[in-house]
Amino acid sequence: MRKTTIVCILLLFVTGFGRQALAQGASDAQLAPKTQDSARAPEHFYHLDLVVEDLSAEGKVVNSRSYSTTISTNSDTRMSIRSGARVPIATGPASKSEGGNEITAITNAQLQYEDIGARFDLGDAREVGRQLAFKLTADLTSVAVATDPNIRYPVTRQNKWEASILIPIGKQSVVFSSDSSDSKGSTRVLVTATAIQ
């Protein structure tokens, strides 16, 4: 009888301890963070059309430039667009005198090159309902029209923006806009995101 009692007590003790261990294991599994693969949303691709428009004082488009790329909703992916030219700008005198004769010459040491054109950096794309969110940096540099005849060197105009963007999918949206500093016109950037099936 005594052996039976001891065996019963041991069984109850082991059974109770086993249930507690199982319960503890289950709660640990519930609290454990999900793996990165199971938490990540499916990856989707979007075709982006970016349009830079220069507008007159009346709001009419006087110049337009288009750029295209593809972006993924994988947060590790970043895209860049670079388009433009390197414009030489004289930093020294353009003429010198030799034996009474005026010679126009610029040496390479008297030139400084400046990047003119468009730079776009895009990343961190994700879907928010029926909209697409992403980070966008736009850097637009152009040669301004000279209005002062006394200015010998070109004047460059620069517009630079950086922001988190949220646009509807399939609809063209103005994401950046600014007035021109040298005229009554303005510049704006429009983006259209189209899902790639």
N, C-alpha and C. Protein backbone atom coordinates (compact mmCIF):
# COMPACT_ATOMS: atom_id res chain seq x y z
N MET A 1 0.82 -1.18 0.00
CA MET A 1 0.00 0.00 0.00
C MET A 1 0.87 1.24 0.00
N ARG A 2 1.93 1.13 0.80
CA ARG A 2 2.83 2.27 0.89
C ARG A 2 3.51 2.51 -0.46
N LYS A 3 3.92 1.48 -1.18
CA LYS A 3 4.55 1.61 -2.49
C LYS A 3 3.57 2.20 -3.49
N THR A 4 2.35 1.78 -3.41
CA THR A 4 1.34 2.30 -4.32
C THR A 4 1.13 3.79 -4.09
N THR A 5 1.11 4.22 -2.86
CA THR A 5 0.93 5.63 -2.53
C THR A 5 2.11 6.45 -3.06
N ILE A 6 3.31 5.95 -2.88
CA ILE A 6 4.51 6.67 -3.34
C ILE A 6 4.51 6.77 -4.86
N VAL A 7 4.12 5.68 -5.53
CA VAL A 7 4.08 5.68 -7.00
C VAL A 7 3.04 6.67 -7.49
N CYS A 8 1.88 6.72 -6.83
CA CYS A 8 0.81 7.65 -7.23
C CYS A 8 1.27 9.09 -7.05
N ILE A 9 1.93 9.37 -5.93
CA ILE A 9 2.42 10.74 -5.68
C ILE A 9 3.45 11.13 -6.74
N LEU A 10 4.35 10.21 -7.06
CA LEU A 10 5.35 10.48 -8.08
C LEU A 10 4.71 10.73 -9.45
N LEU A 11 3.70 9.93 -9.79
CA LEU A 11 3.01 10.12 -11.07
C LEU A 11 2.31 11.47 -11.13
N LEU A 12 1.65 11.85 -10.05
CA LEU A 12 0.99 13.15 -10.00
C LEU A 12 2.01 14.28 -10.15
N PHE A 13 3.13 14.13 -9.46
CA PHE A 13 4.17 15.15 -9.51
C PHE A 13 4.74 15.29 -10.92
N VAL A 14 5.06 14.16 -11.56
CA VAL A 14 5.63 14.16 -12.91
C VAL A 14 4.61 14.68 -13.91
N THR A 15 3.34 14.27 -13.77
CA THR A 15 2.30 14.71 -14.69
C THR A 15 2.08 16.22 -14.55
N GLY A 16 2.03 16.72 -13.34
CA GLY A 16 1.86 18.15 -13.12
C GLY A 16 3.03 18.96 -13.66
N PHE A 17 4.25 18.47 -13.44
CA PHE A 17 5.44 19.15 -13.92
C PHE A 17 5.47 19.14 -15.46
N GLY A 18 5.05 18.04 -16.07
CA GLY A 18 5.03 17.93 -17.54
C GLY A 18 4.04 18.90 -18.16
N ARG A 19 2.86 19.03 -17.53
CA ARG A 19 1.86 19.98 -18.05
C ARG A 19 2.39 21.41 -17.97
N GLN A 20 3.04 21.74 -16.87
CA GLN A 20 3.58 23.09 -16.70
C GLN A 20 4.67 23.36 -17.75
N ALA A 21 5.50 22.37 -18.03
CA ALA A 21 6.56 22.54 -19.03
C ALA A 21 5.96 22.73 -20.42
N LEU A 22 4.91 21.95 -20.74
CA LEU A 22 4.25 22.10 -22.03
C LEU A 22 3.59 23.47 -22.16
N ALA A 23 2.93 23.93 -21.09
CA ALA A 23 2.28 25.24 -21.11
C ALA A 23 3.32 26.34 -21.28
N GLN A 24 4.45 26.20 -20.60
CA GLN A 24 5.51 27.19 -20.71
C GLN A 24 6.06 27.22 -22.15
N GLY A 25 6.24 26.06 -22.75
CA GLY A 25 6.74 25.97 -24.12
C GLY A 25 5.77 26.61 -25.11
N ALA A 26 4.48 26.41 -24.89
CA ALA A 26 3.48 26.99 -25.79
C ALA A 26 3.47 28.51 -25.68
N SER A 27 3.55 29.02 -24.45
CA SER A 27 3.55 30.49 -24.30
C SER A 27 4.82 31.09 -24.86
N ASP A 28 5.95 30.40 -24.76
CA ASP A 28 7.20 30.90 -25.35
C ASP A 28 7.07 30.97 -26.87
N ALA A 29 6.42 29.97 -27.45
CA ALA A 29 6.25 29.95 -28.91
C ALA A 29 5.36 31.10 -29.36
N GLN A 30 4.34 31.43 -28.52
CA GLN A 30 3.46 32.54 -28.87
C GLN A 30 4.18 33.87 -28.77
N LEU A 31 5.08 34.01 -27.80
CA LEU A 31 5.80 35.26 -27.62
C LEU A 31 6.98 35.40 -28.55
N ALA A 32 7.46 34.31 -29.13
CA ALA A 32 8.64 34.38 -30.00
C ALA A 32 8.31 35.19 -31.23
N PRO A 33 9.24 36.07 -31.69
CA PRO A 33 8.97 36.86 -32.88
C PRO A 33 8.88 35.99 -34.11
N LYS A 34 8.04 36.43 -35.05
CA LYS A 34 7.89 35.68 -36.29
C LYS A 34 9.18 35.82 -37.10
N THR A 35 9.46 34.81 -37.87
CA THR A 35 10.65 34.89 -38.71
C THR A 35 10.43 35.95 -39.77
N GLN A 36 11.52 36.47 -40.33
CA GLN A 36 11.43 37.55 -41.30
C GLN A 36 10.68 37.11 -42.55
N ASP A 37 10.84 35.85 -42.95
CA ASP A 37 10.17 35.38 -44.15
C ASP A 37 8.66 35.31 -43.98
N SER A 38 8.20 34.86 -42.79
CA SER A 38 6.76 34.74 -42.59
C SER A 38 6.11 36.10 -42.36
N ALA A 39 6.87 37.10 -41.86
CA ALA A 39 6.31 38.42 -41.58
C ALA A 39 6.30 39.31 -42.80
N ARG A 40 7.13 39.02 -43.78
CA ARG A 40 7.26 39.89 -44.95
C ARG A 40 6.08 39.70 -45.89
N ALA A 41 5.53 40.83 -46.36
CA ALA A 41 4.43 40.78 -47.32
C ALA A 41 4.97 40.36 -48.68
N PRO A 42 4.12 39.83 -49.56
CA PRO A 42 4.60 39.42 -50.88
C PRO A 42 5.14 40.62 -51.65
N GLU A 43 6.17 40.37 -52.44
CA GLU A 43 6.81 41.44 -53.20
C GLU A 43 6.03 41.73 -54.48
N HIS A 44 5.79 43.04 -54.74
CA HIS A 44 5.11 43.46 -55.97
C HIS A 44 5.98 44.50 -56.67
N PHE A 45 5.82 44.59 -57.99
CA PHE A 45 6.61 45.52 -58.78
C PHE A 45 5.69 46.57 -59.41
N TYR A 46 6.23 47.79 -59.50
CA TYR A 46 5.48 48.91 -60.08
C TYR A 46 6.36 49.65 -61.08
N HIS A 47 5.75 50.03 -62.20
CA HIS A 47 6.43 50.87 -63.19
C HIS A 47 6.13 52.32 -62.80
N LEU A 48 7.17 53.12 -62.64
CA LEU A 48 7.01 54.53 -62.27
C LEU A 48 7.37 55.42 -63.44
N ASP A 49 6.47 56.32 -63.79
CA ASP A 49 6.73 57.37 -64.79
C ASP A 49 6.86 58.68 -64.04
N LEU A 50 8.02 59.32 -64.16
CA LEU A 50 8.26 60.61 -63.53
C LEU A 50 8.34 61.67 -64.62
N VAL A 51 7.64 62.76 -64.45
CA VAL A 51 7.62 63.84 -65.44
C VAL A 51 7.98 65.14 -64.72
N VAL A 52 8.96 65.86 -65.28
CA VAL A 52 9.33 67.18 -64.77
C VAL A 52 8.78 68.20 -65.75
N GLU A 53 7.98 69.14 -65.25
CA GLU A 53 7.38 70.16 -66.10
C GLU A 53 7.81 71.55 -65.64
N ASP A 54 8.18 72.39 -66.61
CA ASP A 54 8.41 73.81 -66.36
C ASP A 54 7.18 74.54 -66.85
N LEU A 55 6.62 75.38 -66.00
CA LEU A 55 5.40 76.10 -66.34
C LEU A 55 5.66 77.60 -66.45
N SER A 56 4.92 78.24 -67.34
CA SER A 56 5.01 79.69 -67.50
C SER A 56 4.25 80.38 -66.37
N ALA A 57 4.30 81.70 -66.34
CA ALA A 57 3.57 82.47 -65.32
C ALA A 57 2.06 82.22 -65.42
N GLU A 58 1.59 81.85 -66.62
CA GLU A 58 0.16 81.58 -66.83
C GLU A 58 -0.21 80.15 -66.49
N GLY A 59 0.76 79.33 -66.13
CA GLY A 59 0.50 77.94 -65.78
C GLY A 59 0.53 76.98 -66.94
N LYS A 60 1.01 77.42 -68.12
CA LYS A 60 1.10 76.55 -69.28
C LYS A 60 2.45 75.83 -69.27
N VAL A 61 2.45 74.56 -69.67
CA VAL A 61 3.68 73.77 -69.72
C VAL A 61 4.53 74.27 -70.89
N VAL A 62 5.76 74.74 -70.59
CA VAL A 62 6.66 75.23 -71.64
C VAL A 62 7.79 74.24 -71.91
N ASN A 63 8.03 73.30 -71.01
CA ASN A 63 9.06 72.28 -71.20
C ASN A 63 8.69 71.07 -70.35
N SER A 64 8.98 69.88 -70.88
CA SER A 64 8.64 68.65 -70.16
C SER A 64 9.71 67.60 -70.42
N ARG A 65 10.10 66.88 -69.37
CA ARG A 65 11.08 65.81 -69.49
C ARG A 65 10.54 64.59 -68.76
N SER A 66 10.70 63.42 -69.36
CA SER A 66 10.13 62.19 -68.79
C SER A 66 11.23 61.21 -68.42
N TYR A 67 10.99 60.47 -67.33
CA TYR A 67 11.92 59.44 -66.84
C TYR A 67 11.08 58.26 -66.37
N SER A 68 11.61 57.05 -66.54
CA SER A 68 10.88 55.85 -66.14
C SER A 68 11.80 54.88 -65.42
N THR A 69 11.22 54.11 -64.49
CA THR A 69 11.96 53.07 -63.80
C THR A 69 10.96 52.07 -63.23
N THR A 70 11.48 51.03 -62.64
CA THR A 70 10.64 50.03 -61.97
C THR A 70 11.08 49.97 -60.52
N ILE A 71 10.11 49.85 -59.61
CA ILE A 71 10.41 49.77 -58.18
C ILE A 71 9.70 48.57 -57.59
N SER A 72 10.28 48.02 -56.54
CA SER A 72 9.74 46.83 -55.89
C SER A 72 9.33 47.17 -54.46
N THR A 73 8.33 46.46 -53.96
CA THR A 73 7.90 46.68 -52.57
C THR A 73 8.81 45.98 -51.58
N ASN A 74 9.87 45.35 -52.05
CA ASN A 74 10.90 44.80 -51.17
C ASN A 74 11.66 45.99 -50.59
N SER A 75 11.62 46.16 -49.26
CA SER A 75 12.18 47.36 -48.63
C SER A 75 13.69 47.48 -48.80
N ASP A 76 14.36 46.40 -49.22
CA ASP A 76 15.81 46.46 -49.41
C ASP A 76 16.20 47.09 -50.74
N THR A 77 15.24 47.28 -51.63
CA THR A 77 15.53 47.74 -52.98
C THR A 77 15.49 49.26 -53.07
N ARG A 78 16.52 49.84 -53.69
CA ARG A 78 16.56 51.28 -53.96
C ARG A 78 16.83 51.48 -55.45
N MET A 79 16.25 52.51 -56.02
CA MET A 79 16.42 52.80 -57.44
C MET A 79 16.98 54.21 -57.60
N SER A 80 17.78 54.40 -58.65
CA SER A 80 18.35 55.72 -58.94
C SER A 80 18.21 56.01 -60.42
N ILE A 81 17.96 57.26 -60.74
CA ILE A 81 17.94 57.74 -62.12
C ILE A 81 18.91 58.92 -62.18
N ARG A 82 19.81 58.90 -63.16
CA ARG A 82 20.75 59.99 -63.40
C ARG A 82 20.68 60.33 -64.88
N SER A 83 20.37 61.59 -65.19
CA SER A 83 20.29 62.01 -66.58
C SER A 83 20.74 63.46 -66.67
N GLY A 84 21.68 63.74 -67.56
CA GLY A 84 22.12 65.12 -67.69
C GLY A 84 23.44 65.24 -68.41
N ALA A 85 24.12 66.35 -68.18
CA ALA A 85 25.40 66.65 -68.83
C ALA A 85 26.30 67.37 -67.84
N ARG A 86 27.60 67.31 -68.11
CA ARG A 86 28.57 68.06 -67.32
C ARG A 86 28.95 69.30 -68.12
N VAL A 87 28.58 70.46 -67.60
CA VAL A 87 28.78 71.72 -68.30
C VAL A 87 30.05 72.40 -67.79
N PRO A 88 30.97 72.78 -68.72
CA PRO A 88 32.18 73.47 -68.27
C PRO A 88 31.89 74.93 -67.96
N ILE A 89 32.41 75.40 -66.84
CA ILE A 89 32.24 76.80 -66.44
C ILE A 89 33.63 77.38 -66.22
N ALA A 90 33.91 78.50 -66.89
CA ALA A 90 35.22 79.14 -66.76
C ALA A 90 35.35 79.78 -65.39
N THR A 91 36.49 79.54 -64.75
CA THR A 91 36.74 80.12 -63.42
C THR A 91 37.89 81.12 -63.45
N GLY A 92 38.51 81.30 -64.62
CA GLY A 92 39.62 82.24 -64.75
C GLY A 92 39.39 83.16 -65.93
N PRO A 93 40.33 84.06 -66.18
CA PRO A 93 40.17 84.99 -67.31
C PRO A 93 40.14 84.25 -68.64
N ALA A 94 39.30 84.73 -69.54
CA ALA A 94 39.13 84.07 -70.83
C ALA A 94 40.08 84.59 -71.88
N SER A 95 40.90 85.59 -71.57
CA SER A 95 41.81 86.13 -72.57
C SER A 95 43.11 86.55 -71.91
N LYS A 96 44.16 86.58 -72.70
CA LYS A 96 45.45 87.05 -72.23
C LYS A 96 46.14 87.77 -73.38
N SER A 97 47.10 88.57 -73.06
CA SER A 97 47.78 89.38 -74.08
C SER A 97 49.18 88.85 -74.29
N GLU A 98 49.56 88.62 -75.56
CA GLU A 98 50.90 88.16 -75.90
C GLU A 98 51.44 89.07 -77.01
N GLY A 99 52.45 89.87 -76.68
CA GLY A 99 53.07 90.74 -77.67
C GLY A 99 52.10 91.74 -78.28
N GLY A 100 51.17 92.22 -77.48
CA GLY A 100 50.21 93.20 -77.97
C GLY A 100 49.00 92.59 -78.63
N ASN A 101 49.01 91.30 -78.90
CA ASN A 101 47.85 90.63 -79.51
C ASN A 101 46.99 89.99 -78.42
N GLU A 102 45.69 90.20 -78.50
CA GLU A 102 44.74 89.61 -77.55
C GLU A 102 44.43 88.18 -77.99
N ILE A 103 44.69 87.23 -77.11
CA ILE A 103 44.44 85.82 -77.43
C ILE A 103 43.37 85.31 -76.47
N THR A 104 42.32 84.73 -77.03
CA THR A 104 41.27 84.15 -76.20
C THR A 104 41.57 82.68 -75.99
N ALA A 105 41.82 82.33 -74.74
CA ALA A 105 42.15 80.93 -74.44
C ALA A 105 41.77 80.63 -72.99
N ILE A 106 41.27 79.47 -72.79
CA ILE A 106 40.93 79.00 -71.44
C ILE A 106 41.64 77.66 -71.25
N THR A 107 42.40 77.56 -70.21
CA THR A 107 43.09 76.30 -69.94
C THR A 107 42.18 75.40 -69.11
N ASN A 108 42.54 74.12 -69.06
CA ASN A 108 41.75 73.18 -68.26
C ASN A 108 41.74 73.56 -66.79
N ALA A 109 42.80 74.20 -66.31
CA ALA A 109 42.84 74.60 -64.91
C ALA A 109 41.84 75.70 -64.61
N GLN A 110 41.36 76.37 -65.66
CA GLN A 110 40.41 77.46 -65.48
C GLN A 110 38.97 77.00 -65.69
N LEU A 111 38.75 75.72 -65.81
CA LEU A 111 37.41 75.17 -66.02
C LEU A 111 36.95 74.37 -64.81
N GLN A 112 35.71 74.56 -64.47
CA GLN A 112 35.08 73.76 -63.43
C GLN A 112 33.82 73.17 -64.04
N TYR A 113 33.63 71.86 -63.88
CA TYR A 113 32.47 71.20 -64.48
C TYR A 113 31.35 71.06 -63.46
N GLU A 114 30.14 71.35 -63.91
CA GLU A 114 28.97 71.25 -63.04
C GLU A 114 27.96 70.31 -63.67
N ASP A 115 27.38 69.43 -62.84
CA ASP A 115 26.36 68.49 -63.33
C ASP A 115 25.04 69.23 -63.53
N ILE A 116 24.51 69.13 -64.73
CA ILE A 116 23.23 69.74 -65.08
C ILE A 116 22.29 68.62 -65.49
N GLY A 117 21.10 68.58 -64.93
CA GLY A 117 20.15 67.54 -65.30
C GLY A 117 19.29 67.11 -64.13
N ALA A 118 18.90 65.84 -64.13
CA ALA A 118 17.97 65.33 -63.11
C ALA A 118 18.58 64.13 -62.40
N ARG A 119 18.35 64.09 -61.09
CA ARG A 119 18.74 62.95 -60.26
C ARG A 119 17.54 62.57 -59.40
N PHE A 120 17.19 61.30 -59.46
CA PHE A 120 16.10 60.79 -58.63
C PHE A 120 16.60 59.58 -57.85
N ASP A 121 16.26 59.50 -56.57
CA ASP A 121 16.53 58.34 -55.73
C ASP A 121 15.21 57.90 -55.12
N LEU A 122 14.89 56.62 -55.27
CA LEU A 122 13.62 56.08 -54.78
C LEU A 122 13.89 54.84 -53.96
N GLY A 123 13.08 54.64 -52.91
CA GLY A 123 13.24 53.43 -52.10
C GLY A 123 12.15 53.28 -51.06
N ASP A 124 12.24 52.21 -50.29
CA ASP A 124 11.31 51.91 -49.20
C ASP A 124 9.86 51.88 -49.68
N ALA A 125 9.63 51.28 -50.83
CA ALA A 125 8.26 51.22 -51.38
C ALA A 125 7.44 50.18 -50.65
N ARG A 126 6.17 50.53 -50.42
CA ARG A 126 5.23 49.59 -49.79
C ARG A 126 3.81 49.99 -50.18
N GLU A 127 2.95 49.00 -50.17
CA GLU A 127 1.55 49.25 -50.51
C GLU A 127 0.78 49.63 -49.26
N VAL A 128 -0.06 50.66 -49.40
CA VAL A 128 -0.95 51.10 -48.32
C VAL A 128 -2.35 51.13 -48.92
N GLY A 129 -3.07 50.03 -48.75
CA GLY A 129 -4.38 49.92 -49.39
C GLY A 129 -4.21 49.93 -50.89
N ARG A 130 -4.90 50.87 -51.57
CA ARG A 130 -4.79 51.00 -53.03
C ARG A 130 -3.85 52.13 -53.41
N GLN A 131 -2.92 52.43 -52.51
CA GLN A 131 -1.93 53.48 -52.76
C GLN A 131 -0.52 52.91 -52.61
N LEU A 132 0.44 53.65 -53.16
CA LEU A 132 1.84 53.25 -53.07
C LEU A 132 2.60 54.32 -52.31
N ALA A 133 3.31 53.91 -51.27
CA ALA A 133 4.14 54.82 -50.47
C ALA A 133 5.60 54.52 -50.78
N PHE A 134 6.41 55.57 -50.86
CA PHE A 134 7.86 55.40 -51.07
C PHE A 134 8.57 56.70 -50.73
N LYS A 135 9.87 56.60 -50.56
CA LYS A 135 10.69 57.79 -50.33
C LYS A 135 11.25 58.25 -51.66
N LEU A 136 11.22 59.55 -51.88
CA LEU A 136 11.69 60.10 -53.15
C LEU A 136 12.55 61.32 -52.90
N THR A 137 13.73 61.33 -53.53
CA THR A 137 14.60 62.50 -53.54
C THR A 137 14.74 62.94 -54.99
N ALA A 138 14.47 64.21 -55.26
CA ALA A 138 14.59 64.76 -56.61
C ALA A 138 15.54 65.95 -56.56
N ASP A 139 16.50 65.95 -57.47
CA ASP A 139 17.47 67.05 -57.56
C ASP A 139 17.52 67.47 -59.03
N LEU A 140 16.98 68.65 -59.34
CA LEU A 140 16.90 69.14 -60.71
C LEU A 140 17.77 70.38 -60.85
N THR A 141 18.73 70.33 -61.75
CA THR A 141 19.63 71.46 -61.96
C THR A 141 19.61 71.81 -63.45
N SER A 142 19.46 73.11 -63.75
CA SER A 142 19.43 73.56 -65.14
C SER A 142 20.15 74.89 -65.26
N VAL A 143 20.50 75.24 -66.48
CA VAL A 143 21.13 76.54 -66.74
C VAL A 143 20.02 77.56 -66.92
N ALA A 144 20.05 78.60 -66.13
CA ALA A 144 19.02 79.63 -66.19
C ALA A 144 19.26 80.55 -67.39
N VAL A 145 18.19 81.13 -67.90
CA VAL A 145 18.29 82.08 -69.00
C VAL A 145 18.92 83.36 -68.47
N ALA A 146 19.99 83.82 -69.11
CA ALA A 146 20.69 85.02 -68.65
C ALA A 146 19.85 86.25 -68.96
N THR A 147 19.55 87.04 -67.94
CA THR A 147 18.78 88.27 -68.13
C THR A 147 19.65 89.51 -67.96
N ASP A 148 20.82 89.35 -67.38
CA ASP A 148 21.74 90.46 -67.16
C ASP A 148 22.94 90.31 -68.10
N PRO A 149 23.14 91.26 -69.05
CA PRO A 149 24.25 91.12 -70.00
C PRO A 149 25.62 91.25 -69.35
N ASN A 150 25.70 91.76 -68.12
CA ASN A 150 26.97 91.91 -67.43
C ASN A 150 27.46 90.60 -66.80
N ILE A 151 26.60 89.61 -66.70
CA ILE A 151 27.00 88.32 -66.12
C ILE A 151 27.60 87.47 -67.24
N ARG A 152 28.91 87.18 -67.15
CA ARG A 152 29.61 86.45 -68.21
C ARG A 152 29.46 84.94 -68.08
N TYR A 153 29.23 84.46 -66.88
CA TYR A 153 29.21 83.02 -66.66
C TYR A 153 27.78 82.54 -66.50
N PRO A 154 27.53 81.27 -66.85
CA PRO A 154 26.15 80.76 -66.74
C PRO A 154 25.68 80.69 -65.28
N VAL A 155 24.41 80.95 -65.11
CA VAL A 155 23.78 80.86 -63.80
C VAL A 155 22.96 79.58 -63.78
N THR A 156 23.14 78.76 -62.76
CA THR A 156 22.39 77.51 -62.68
C THR A 156 21.23 77.65 -61.69
N ARG A 157 20.16 76.96 -62.01
CA ARG A 157 18.97 76.95 -61.15
C ARG A 157 18.83 75.53 -60.61
N GLN A 158 18.56 75.42 -59.31
CA GLN A 158 18.46 74.10 -58.69
C GLN A 158 17.19 74.00 -57.85
N ASN A 159 16.49 72.88 -58.02
CA ASN A 159 15.34 72.52 -57.18
C ASN A 159 15.66 71.17 -56.57
N LYS A 160 15.52 71.08 -55.26
CA LYS A 160 15.84 69.83 -54.58
C LYS A 160 14.75 69.54 -53.55
N TRP A 161 14.21 68.31 -53.60
CA TRP A 161 13.17 67.89 -52.67
C TRP A 161 13.51 66.51 -52.12
N GLU A 162 13.07 66.24 -50.91
CA GLU A 162 13.17 64.89 -50.33
C GLU A 162 11.99 64.70 -49.41
N ALA A 163 11.22 63.63 -49.65
CA ALA A 163 10.01 63.42 -48.84
C ALA A 163 9.53 61.98 -48.97
N SER A 164 8.66 61.60 -48.04
CA SER A 164 7.92 60.34 -48.15
C SER A 164 6.65 60.64 -48.93
N ILE A 165 6.39 59.83 -49.95
CA ILE A 165 5.30 60.09 -50.90
C ILE A 165 4.23 59.01 -50.75
N LEU A 166 2.97 59.40 -50.89
CA LEU A 166 1.85 58.46 -50.93
C LEU A 166 0.97 58.87 -52.10
N ILE A 167 0.92 58.01 -53.13
CA ILE A 167 0.15 58.34 -54.33
C ILE A 167 -0.81 57.21 -54.66
N PRO A 168 -1.95 57.54 -55.30
CA PRO A 168 -2.87 56.48 -55.74
C PRO A 168 -2.25 55.72 -56.91
N ILE A 169 -2.47 54.42 -56.93
CA ILE A 169 -1.92 53.58 -58.01
C ILE A 169 -2.73 53.82 -59.28
N GLY A 170 -2.02 54.06 -60.39
CA GLY A 170 -2.66 54.25 -61.69
C GLY A 170 -3.11 55.65 -61.99
N LYS A 171 -2.79 56.62 -61.12
CA LYS A 171 -3.23 58.00 -61.34
C LYS A 171 -2.03 58.94 -61.21
N GLN A 172 -1.87 59.83 -62.20
CA GLN A 172 -0.75 60.78 -62.16
C GLN A 172 -0.98 61.79 -61.03
N SER A 173 0.09 62.01 -60.23
CA SER A 173 -0.02 62.89 -59.07
C SER A 173 1.16 63.85 -59.03
N VAL A 174 0.89 65.11 -58.67
CA VAL A 174 1.96 66.08 -58.46
C VAL A 174 2.55 65.81 -57.08
N VAL A 175 3.86 65.53 -57.03
CA VAL A 175 4.50 65.22 -55.75
C VAL A 175 5.37 66.36 -55.25
N PHE A 176 5.91 67.18 -56.16
CA PHE A 176 6.71 68.33 -55.78
C PHE A 176 6.35 69.50 -56.68
N SER A 177 6.44 70.71 -56.13
CA SER A 177 6.19 71.91 -56.92
C SER A 177 6.88 73.09 -56.25
N SER A 178 7.45 73.98 -57.07
CA SER A 178 8.06 75.19 -56.51
C SER A 178 8.09 76.29 -57.56
N ASP A 179 8.05 77.53 -57.08
CA ASP A 179 8.16 78.68 -57.96
C ASP A 179 9.61 78.82 -58.41
N SER A 180 9.81 79.38 -59.60
CA SER A 180 11.16 79.64 -60.09
C SER A 180 11.69 80.89 -59.42
N SER A 181 12.99 80.87 -59.11
CA SER A 181 13.58 82.02 -58.44
C SER A 181 13.94 83.14 -59.42
N ASP A 182 14.05 82.82 -60.72
CA ASP A 182 14.47 83.83 -61.69
C ASP A 182 13.36 84.24 -62.66
N SER A 183 12.14 83.73 -62.45
CA SER A 183 11.01 84.12 -63.31
C SER A 183 9.71 83.92 -62.51
N LYS A 184 8.60 84.20 -63.17
CA LYS A 184 7.30 84.01 -62.52
C LYS A 184 6.73 82.63 -62.80
N GLY A 185 7.51 81.78 -63.42
CA GLY A 185 7.06 80.42 -63.70
C GLY A 185 7.28 79.51 -62.51
N SER A 186 7.12 78.22 -62.75
CA SER A 186 7.30 77.23 -61.68
C SER A 186 7.75 75.90 -62.28
N THR A 187 8.17 75.01 -61.40
CA THR A 187 8.59 73.66 -61.78
C THR A 187 7.84 72.67 -60.91
N ARG A 188 7.44 71.54 -61.51
CA ARG A 188 6.77 70.52 -60.72
C ARG A 188 7.18 69.13 -61.21
N VAL A 189 7.04 68.16 -60.29
CA VAL A 189 7.35 66.76 -60.60
C VAL A 189 6.07 65.95 -60.42
N LEU A 190 5.72 65.17 -61.44
CA LEU A 190 4.53 64.33 -61.40
C LEU A 190 4.97 62.86 -61.47
N VAL A 191 4.28 61.99 -60.74
CA VAL A 191 4.62 60.57 -60.73
C VAL A 191 3.35 59.74 -60.95
N THR A 192 3.48 58.70 -61.78
CA THR A 192 2.41 57.74 -62.00
C THR A 192 2.98 56.35 -61.69
N ALA A 193 2.29 55.59 -60.84
CA ALA A 193 2.69 54.22 -60.50
C ALA A 193 1.70 53.26 -61.13
N THR A 194 2.21 52.32 -61.93
CA THR A 194 1.37 51.32 -62.59
C THR A 194 1.83 49.93 -62.15
N ALA A 195 0.92 49.13 -61.65
CA ALA A 195 1.25 47.78 -61.19
C ALA A 195 1.67 46.92 -62.38
N ILE A 196 2.74 46.13 -62.20
CA ILE A 196 3.20 45.21 -63.23
C ILE A 196 2.66 43.83 -62.87
N GLN A 197 1.86 43.26 -63.77
CA GLN A 197 1.22 41.95 -63.51
C GLN A 197 2.20 40.84 -63.74
